[in-house]
Protein backbone atom coordinates (compact mmCIF):
# COMPACT_ATOMS: atom_id res chain seq x y z
CA MET A 1 107.90 111.72 103.68
CA GLY A 2 104.41 112.82 104.73
CA VAL A 3 104.95 116.22 103.10
CA ALA A 4 105.81 114.57 99.76
CA LEU A 5 102.66 112.43 99.92
CA PHE A 6 100.50 115.45 100.78
CA ALA A 7 102.04 117.50 97.93
CA THR A 8 101.36 114.66 95.50
CA ILE A 9 97.71 114.46 96.60
CA LEU A 10 97.32 118.22 96.15
CA SER A 11 98.90 118.13 92.68
CA MET A 12 96.51 115.38 91.58
CA GLY A 13 93.60 117.47 92.82
CA ALA A 14 94.90 120.38 90.76
CA LEU A 15 94.88 118.18 87.65
CA SER A 16 91.16 117.66 88.02
CA HIS A 17 89.50 119.17 84.97
CA ASN A 18 85.96 118.70 86.29
CA ALA A 19 85.41 118.91 90.04
CA GLN A 20 81.82 117.70 89.63
CA ALA A 21 83.06 114.31 88.39
CA GLN A 22 85.73 113.86 91.07
CA THR A 23 85.28 110.86 93.37
CA VAL A 24 87.38 110.36 96.49
CA THR A 25 87.28 106.89 98.03
CA VAL A 26 88.73 106.33 101.51
CA GLY A 27 89.11 102.73 102.64
CA ALA A 28 90.44 100.21 105.10
CA GLN A 29 92.45 97.29 103.78
CA ILE A 30 93.62 93.85 104.86
CA GLY A 31 95.79 91.32 103.09
CA GLY A 32 99.27 89.88 103.01
CA VAL A 33 102.88 91.02 102.60
CA GLY A 34 105.78 88.75 101.70
CA GLY A 35 109.40 88.68 100.68
CA ILE A 36 110.81 89.73 104.05
CA SER A 37 113.00 87.20 105.88
CA ASP A 38 111.50 84.42 103.71
CA GLU A 39 108.16 84.77 105.49
CA SER A 40 104.82 86.43 104.88
CA ALA A 41 102.49 88.23 107.28
CA ILE A 42 98.94 89.50 107.52
CA ALA A 43 98.88 93.21 106.80
CA SER A 44 96.38 95.99 107.38
CA GLY A 45 96.16 99.65 106.52
CA VAL A 46 94.25 102.49 104.92
CA ASN A 47 94.03 103.84 101.38
CA ILE A 48 92.74 106.77 99.37
CA ASN A 49 91.80 106.89 95.70
CA ILE A 50 91.21 110.26 93.98
CA ASN A 51 89.54 109.70 90.63
CA SER A 52 88.77 112.81 88.62
CA LEU A 53 89.23 111.44 85.11
CA GLY A 54 87.34 108.15 85.22
CA TRP A 55 90.05 106.20 83.37
CA ALA A 56 92.93 107.27 85.67
CA SER A 57 93.33 108.13 89.33
CA PHE A 58 95.78 108.84 92.11
CA TYR A 59 95.99 105.97 94.61
CA ALA A 60 97.94 105.88 97.88
CA ASP A 61 98.02 103.49 100.79
CA LEU A 62 99.64 102.92 104.15
CA THR A 63 100.35 99.25 104.85
CA ILE A 64 101.60 97.83 108.15
CA ALA A 65 102.57 94.18 108.74
CA PRO A 66 104.15 92.57 111.83
CA PHE A 67 107.03 90.22 111.10
CA THR A 68 109.17 88.17 113.51
CA ALA A 69 112.08 90.56 112.96
CA GLY A 70 109.95 93.72 113.34
CA THR A 71 107.22 95.76 111.70
CA PHE A 72 107.06 96.46 107.98
CA MET A 73 105.53 99.79 106.94
CA ALA A 74 104.95 101.17 103.45
CA ILE A 75 103.57 104.45 102.14
CA ALA A 76 103.08 103.76 98.46
CA PRO A 77 101.42 106.38 96.22
CA ALA A 78 100.77 105.43 92.60
CA PHE A 79 98.96 106.45 89.43
CA ALA A 80 96.25 103.95 88.50
CA PHE A 81 94.95 103.44 84.96
CA TYR A 82 91.66 101.68 84.22
CA PRO A 83 91.42 100.39 80.64
CA VAL A 84 88.53 98.11 81.69
CA ASP A 85 85.35 99.85 82.89
CA VAL A 86 82.31 97.56 82.75
CA GLU A 87 79.17 98.66 84.62
CA GLY A 88 80.83 99.79 87.83
CA PHE A 89 83.77 97.37 87.69
CA LEU A 90 87.12 99.08 87.11
CA PHE A 91 90.23 97.00 86.39
CA GLY A 92 93.71 98.11 85.43
CA GLY A 93 97.29 98.69 86.43
CA LEU A 94 99.18 101.04 88.68
CA VAL A 95 102.71 102.35 88.95
CA GLY A 96 104.34 104.62 91.51
CA VAL A 97 107.02 105.26 94.09
CA GLY A 98 107.05 104.41 97.76
CA PHE A 99 108.72 104.82 101.12
CA TYR A 100 109.40 101.61 103.06
CA ASN A 101 110.50 100.69 106.57
CA VAL A 102 111.73 97.10 106.37
CA PRO A 103 112.60 95.06 109.52
CA ASN A 104 116.34 94.66 110.12
CA ASP A 105 117.05 97.06 107.27
CA LYS A 106 117.18 100.80 106.90
CA SER A 107 114.21 102.68 105.49
CA ASN A 108 114.05 102.36 101.73
CA PHE A 109 112.80 104.28 98.76
CA GLY A 110 111.40 102.18 95.97
CA PHE A 111 109.11 101.75 93.01
CA ASN A 112 105.90 99.77 92.83
CA TYR A 113 103.74 98.35 90.07
CA GLY A 114 100.81 95.99 89.92
CA ILE A 115 97.12 95.52 89.22
CA ILE A 116 94.11 97.23 90.73
CA GLY A 117 90.41 96.49 90.68
CA ASP A 118 87.40 98.30 92.11
CA PHE A 119 83.73 97.33 92.20
CA GLY A 120 80.95 99.59 93.44
CA ILE A 121 78.62 97.54 95.64
CA SER A 122 76.37 100.55 96.26
CA LYS A 123 76.35 104.26 95.47
CA LYS A 124 78.70 104.98 98.38
CA LEU A 125 80.55 101.67 99.04
CA SER A 126 83.18 99.91 96.96
CA VAL A 127 85.28 96.77 97.26
CA GLY A 128 88.80 96.99 95.90
CA MET A 129 91.85 94.80 95.37
CA THR A 130 95.50 95.53 94.66
CA ALA A 131 98.38 93.15 94.00
CA ARG A 132 101.77 94.86 93.84
CA GLN A 133 105.46 94.24 93.59
CA HIS A 134 107.68 96.78 95.39
CA LEU A 135 111.23 97.17 94.08
CA LEU A 136 113.33 98.56 96.93
CA THR A 137 116.53 100.59 96.72
CA GLY A 138 119.22 101.42 99.24
CA GLY A 139 118.85 98.42 101.52
CA GLN A 140 119.55 94.72 101.84
CA LYS A 141 116.11 93.62 100.57
CA ASP A 142 115.45 94.21 96.89
CA SER A 143 111.72 93.42 96.58
CA VAL A 144 108.53 92.91 98.59
CA TRP A 145 105.05 91.91 97.39
CA ASN A 146 101.59 92.54 98.79
CA VAL A 147 97.99 91.61 98.00
CA MET A 148 95.30 93.72 99.67
CA LEU A 149 91.49 93.75 99.74
CA SER A 150 89.73 96.94 100.75
CA LEU A 151 86.32 98.30 101.63
CA GLY A 152 85.94 101.96 100.78
CA TYR A 153 83.47 104.80 101.21
CA LYS A 154 82.99 107.13 98.22
CA PHE A 155 82.72 110.90 98.47
CA ASP A 156 81.49 112.49 95.24
CA GLY A 157 82.35 116.02 94.13
CA GLY A 158 79.76 118.71 93.67
CA GLY A 159 78.61 119.05 97.27
CA ASP A 160 77.63 115.38 97.75
CA TRP A 161 80.14 114.92 100.58
């Protein structure tokens, strides 16, 4: 599972046509997860966003949420598209695949889709938001949702790391 995520990150880096314009944002996130055992829980995690095109990026996150029945964990990489770009505010959609460990269920593979927003509050800091639906396969649960807010630090290409 980790090897697949790493390979996907490397392939997105290889698609970069201009390394000078590449921005990598690493963040911490907090929010909520629901749809498991008819309850919701506060979730936390980390994320990475590799944006080398401006209008599209590779986004991946690790989300962990404690439920009464056990701990939910998701590794959910996705491609994000930003049709709205207004003075530092990016807004768009994302779609991808994911790997899920659901309490009282076996680990699942699934698909995710949703909305994403990002606002640069300074040259190096950004505030982001995602709201996603995760469609699970191979288990008893068929879908899970999450809404996450994040604070990220931007690393710009071209030696400005």
